[in-house]
Protein backbone atom coordinates (compact mmCIF):
# COMPACT_ATOMS: atom_id res chain seq x y z
CA MET A 1 0.00 0.00 0.00
CA THR A 2 1.34 3.47 -0.86
CA GLY A 3 1.57 6.40 1.50
CA ARG A 4 -1.24 8.10 -0.44
CA ASP A 5 -3.49 5.07 -0.02
CA ASP A 6 -2.68 5.02 3.69
CA ALA A 7 -3.64 8.68 3.99
CA VAL A 8 -6.97 8.03 2.32
CA ASP A 9 -7.59 5.07 4.63
CA ALA A 10 -6.66 7.16 7.68
CA ALA A 11 -9.08 9.90 6.70
CA ALA A 12 -11.84 7.34 6.20
CA VAL A 13 -11.15 5.71 9.56
CA ALA A 14 -11.00 9.09 11.33
CA ASP A 15 -14.37 10.04 9.84
CA ALA A 16 -15.84 6.70 10.89
CA LEU A 17 -14.56 7.13 14.44
CA THR A 18 -15.95 10.64 14.69
CA ILE A 19 -19.39 9.51 13.56
CA ALA A 20 -19.60 6.09 15.17
CA LEU A 21 -17.61 6.24 18.40
CA ALA A 22 -17.69 9.72 19.94
CA PRO A 23 -21.48 10.11 19.86
CA VAL A 24 -21.87 6.83 21.74
CA GLY A 25 -20.33 8.25 24.89
CA THR A 26 -21.86 11.69 24.40
CA ASP A 27 -25.37 10.32 23.90
CA LEU A 28 -24.99 8.02 26.89
CA VAL A 29 -24.08 10.97 29.15
CA ALA A 30 -27.23 12.81 28.03
CA TRP A 31 -29.25 9.61 28.46
CA THR A 32 -27.90 9.27 32.01
CA ALA A 33 -29.11 12.76 32.92
CA ARG A 34 -32.54 12.22 31.35
CA THR A 35 -33.00 8.85 32.99
CA ALA A 36 -31.87 10.05 36.42
CA ARG A 37 -34.35 12.91 36.25
CA ALA A 38 -37.18 10.50 35.40
CA VAL A 39 -36.21 7.89 37.99
CA PHE A 40 -35.99 10.44 40.80
CA GLY A 41 -39.11 12.30 39.71
CA ALA A 42 -36.96 15.44 39.72
CA VAL A 43 -37.42 18.89 38.27
CA ALA A 44 -33.95 18.75 36.72
CA CYS A 45 -30.71 16.80 36.52
CA SER A 46 -27.33 18.23 35.56
CA ILE A 47 -23.78 17.01 35.04
CA ALA A 48 -20.82 19.30 35.71
CA LEU A 49 -17.24 18.36 34.83
CA LEU A 50 -14.03 19.57 36.40
CA THR A 51 -11.72 21.67 34.24
CA ASP A 52 -8.19 20.36 33.60
CA ASP A 53 -6.81 22.44 36.47
CA ALA A 54 -9.70 21.33 38.74
CA GLY A 55 -10.45 24.98 39.44
CA GLU A 56 -13.98 25.07 38.05
CA LEU A 57 -17.00 22.90 37.41
CA VAL A 58 -18.48 23.33 33.93
CA PHE A 59 -22.09 22.26 33.42
CA THR A 60 -21.94 20.18 30.24
CA THR A 61 -25.26 18.31 30.34
CA SER A 62 -28.67 19.15 31.71
CA SER A 63 -32.16 17.70 31.56
CA GLY A 64 -35.20 19.69 32.61
CA GLY A 65 -35.20 22.93 34.47
CA SER A 66 -35.38 26.41 33.04
CA PRO A 67 -33.24 27.96 31.77
CA ASP A 68 -30.71 25.52 30.34
CA ILE A 69 -27.52 25.81 32.42
CA THR A 70 -25.25 24.05 29.93
CA GLY A 71 -22.00 25.99 29.60
CA LEU A 72 -22.21 27.77 32.95
CA ARG A 73 -19.23 27.61 35.30
CA LEU A 74 -18.98 27.39 39.07
CA PRO A 75 -15.79 27.55 41.16
CA ALA A 76 -14.96 24.00 42.21
CA SER A 77 -14.91 25.04 45.87
CA GLU A 78 -18.43 26.54 45.90
CA GLY A 79 -21.93 25.17 46.29
CA ILE A 80 -23.14 21.66 46.95
CA ALA A 81 -21.49 20.51 43.72
CA GLY A 82 -18.21 22.03 44.88
CA TRP A 83 -18.49 20.22 48.22
CA VAL A 84 -18.97 16.90 46.42
CA ALA A 85 -16.06 17.65 44.07
CA THR A 86 -13.83 18.50 47.03
CA THR A 87 -14.74 15.59 49.29
CA GLY A 88 -15.64 12.94 46.70
CA GLN A 89 -18.71 12.09 48.78
CA PRO A 90 -22.39 12.01 47.76
CA ILE A 91 -24.87 14.17 49.65
CA ALA A 92 -28.59 14.82 50.00
CA VAL A 93 -29.77 18.23 51.21
CA ASP A 94 -33.50 18.63 51.67
CA ASP A 95 -33.56 22.20 52.99
CA LEU A 96 -31.09 24.28 51.00
CA GLU A 97 -32.08 27.56 52.64
CA ARG A 98 -30.53 26.33 55.87
CA ASP A 99 -27.36 24.90 54.34
CA PRO A 100 -24.41 27.35 54.23
CA ARG A 101 -22.78 25.34 51.41
CA PHE A 102 -25.57 26.17 48.99
CA ALA A 103 -24.50 28.62 46.25
CA ALA A 104 -27.62 30.79 46.53
CA SER A 105 -26.18 33.61 44.41
CA PHE A 106 -25.43 31.19 41.56
CA ALA A 107 -28.97 29.79 41.69
CA SER A 108 -30.41 33.28 41.77
CA SER A 109 -28.34 34.32 38.74
CA ILE A 110 -29.87 31.57 36.58
CA GLY A 111 -33.42 32.22 37.71
CA TYR A 112 -34.15 28.97 39.55
CA THR A 113 -33.61 28.30 43.24
CA PRO A 114 -34.15 24.64 44.17
CA ARG A 115 -35.42 23.56 47.57
CA ALA A 116 -33.45 20.29 47.64
CA ILE A 117 -30.40 18.79 45.93
CA LEU A 118 -29.09 15.26 45.65
CA ALA A 119 -25.50 15.11 44.34
CA ALA A 120 -22.89 12.42 43.75
CA PRO A 121 -19.35 12.29 42.35
CA ILE A 122 -18.58 11.11 38.82
CA GLU A 123 -15.49 8.97 39.35
CA LEU A 124 -13.41 6.65 37.22
CA ASP A 125 -10.65 4.54 38.79
CA ASP A 126 -10.46 6.88 41.79
CA ARG A 127 -10.19 9.90 39.47
CA LEU A 128 -12.87 12.52 40.00
CA LEU A 129 -14.32 13.76 36.71
CA GLY A 130 -17.23 15.83 37.96
CA VAL A 131 -20.56 15.84 39.74
CA ILE A 132 -24.09 14.74 38.90
CA GLU A 133 -26.92 16.64 40.61
CA VAL A 134 -30.66 16.02 40.90
CA LEU A 135 -32.81 19.02 41.84
CA ASP A 136 -36.07 18.85 43.76
CA ARG A 137 -36.60 15.11 43.50
CA ASP A 138 -39.75 13.37 44.64
CA ALA A 139 -38.62 12.36 48.12
CA GLY A 140 -41.96 10.70 48.88
CA ARG A 141 -41.85 8.05 46.16
CA ALA A 142 -41.19 4.38 46.88
CA GLY A 143 -37.53 3.55 47.40
CA ALA A 144 -36.47 7.15 48.07
CA GLY A 145 -34.46 5.99 51.08
CA ASP A 146 -31.88 4.52 48.71
CA ASP A 147 -31.51 7.66 46.59
CA ILE A 148 -27.89 8.39 47.48
CA ALA A 149 -26.78 4.87 46.52
CA LEU A 150 -28.85 5.03 43.34
CA LEU A 151 -27.43 8.39 42.22
CA THR A 152 -23.94 7.06 42.92
CA LEU A 153 -24.63 4.34 40.35
CA PHE A 154 -25.75 6.97 37.85
CA GLY A 155 -22.48 8.80 38.52
CA ARG A 156 -20.51 5.68 37.69
CA GLN A 157 -22.49 5.23 34.47
CA ALA A 158 -21.71 8.81 33.48
CA ALA A 159 -18.02 8.19 34.20
CA VAL A 160 -17.96 5.16 31.88
CA ALA A 161 -19.65 7.17 29.12
CA LEU A 162 -17.22 10.07 29.52
CA ASP A 163 -14.28 7.68 29.43
CA ALA A 164 -15.56 6.17 26.18
CA THR A 165 -15.82 9.63 24.64
CA GLU A 166 -12.27 10.52 25.72
CA ARG A 167 -10.79 7.30 24.40
CA SER A 168 -12.45 7.72 21.00
CA ARG A 169 -11.13 11.30 20.83
CA ARG A 170 -7.60 10.13 21.61
CA ILE A 171 -7.79 7.40 18.97
CA GLY A 172 -8.89 10.00 16.43
CA GLU A 173 -5.93 12.20 17.38
CA LEU A 174 -3.58 9.24 16.92
CA LEU A 175 -4.94 8.67 13.42
CA LEU A 176 -4.48 12.29 12.40
CA ARG A 177 -1.00 12.51 13.93
CA ALA A 178 0.06 9.34 12.15
CA LEU A 179 -0.79 10.86 8.76
CA GLY A 180 2.37 12.93 8.92
CA ARG A 181 4.49 9.85 9.58
CA VAL A 182 3.23 7.71 6.72
CA ASP A 183 5.22 7.38 3.51
CA ASP A 184 5.99 4.65 1.00
CA ASP A 185 8.27 2.92 3.50
CA ASN A 186 6.13 3.37 6.60
CA ASP A 187 2.68 1.79 6.82
CA LEU A 188 -0.14 3.45 8.71
CA ALA A 189 -0.60 0.67 11.25
CA GLY A 190 3.09 0.82 12.17
CA ALA A 191 2.97 4.59 12.62
CA LEU A 192 -0.09 4.30 14.83
CA ARG A 193 1.48 1.65 17.02
CA ALA A 194 4.55 3.84 17.48
CA ASP A 195 2.57 6.98 18.33
CA GLY A 196 0.19 5.25 20.73
CA ALA A 197 2.66 2.98 22.50
CA ALA A 198 2.78 5.16 25.62
CA ASP A 199 -0.89 4.90 26.54
CA GLY A 200 -1.72 1.55 24.97
CA LEU A 201 -4.07 2.98 22.35
CA GLY A 202 -1.68 2.53 19.43
CA ASP A 203 -2.61 -1.09 18.84
CA VAL A 204 -6.31 -0.22 19.04
CA ALA A 205 -5.98 2.57 16.49
CA ALA A 206 -3.78 0.38 14.29
CA ALA A 207 -6.44 -2.33 14.33
CA PHE A 208 -8.97 0.20 13.05
CA ALA A 209 -6.54 1.15 10.30
CA ASP A 210 -6.05 -2.48 9.31
CA LEU A 211 -9.82 -2.92 9.15
CA ALA A 212 -10.35 0.12 6.93
CA GLY A 213 -9.77 -1.92 3.78
CA ALA A 214 -11.53 -5.06 4.96
CA GLY A 215 -14.87 -6.29 3.75
CA ALA A 216 -18.35 -6.17 5.29
CA ARG A 217 -17.99 -9.57 6.98
CA GLU A 218 -14.77 -8.53 8.68
CA HIS A 219 -16.36 -5.27 9.83
CA ALA A 220 -19.35 -7.14 11.27
CA LEU A 221 -17.08 -9.59 13.12
CA ALA A 222 -14.95 -6.77 14.53
CA THR A 223 -18.02 -4.89 15.71
CA SER A 224 -19.38 -7.98 17.42
CA LEU A 225 -16.08 -8.65 19.19
CA LEU A 226 -15.68 -5.03 20.31
CA SER A 227 -19.24 -4.98 21.64
CA SER A 228 -18.58 -8.15 23.62
CA VAL A 229 -15.35 -6.80 25.11
CA ALA A 230 -17.02 -3.48 25.98
CA GLY A 231 -19.90 -5.32 27.66
CA PHE A 232 -17.46 -7.40 29.68
CA ALA A 233 -15.57 -4.27 30.76
CA ARG A 234 -18.78 -2.51 31.81
CA ALA A 235 -19.85 -5.54 33.84
CA ARG A 236 -16.53 -5.60 35.71
CA ARG A 237 -16.85 -1.90 36.55
């Protein structure tokens, strides 16, 4: 295969990854927020992620409530969400007016002041990614006594979805970076393995490159195997 052919294959694989992989994690994060809101009978559910320097929480996903808070930022040391981000512990507060941790000014600035908040960390392998919050849940419904444990499970699901999104993004970056290393004497799969050796994603990206020129049966088999491995990994988590 020539370097030009490799470049074409890389572009095709990068496009496929962008369309097929990244939305899986992104959609699952949104699904987590929507489902949590419905399960808890809540007015709203939001997900806020820590910035790279852990200085702020950025609200990236929301379901319900008015207005939409997506894109708003809160110092990571403020509010109930900040307390969860700092301690790594879930919390249920049923009377926010009496809780000094509540960021009342932030709530007032967006035009909605909740009476109660349930919040849990979004963690992956002991690494805190952010916080999931449920506002004004139905505390009188059946099973409400287990709400903290239940929201913690939703936080873990969000963490898995976010990790899937990040891994697909990194694989896409590997593919694009490898384009500059491919020539007539250097195949794409080899360049990908070299670039991704440090974090173990090189072989994964190289496998996608090898599959780019395969037929429909090979693609179907690969998809089935990947789905099985992903299911096994989710079950272990």
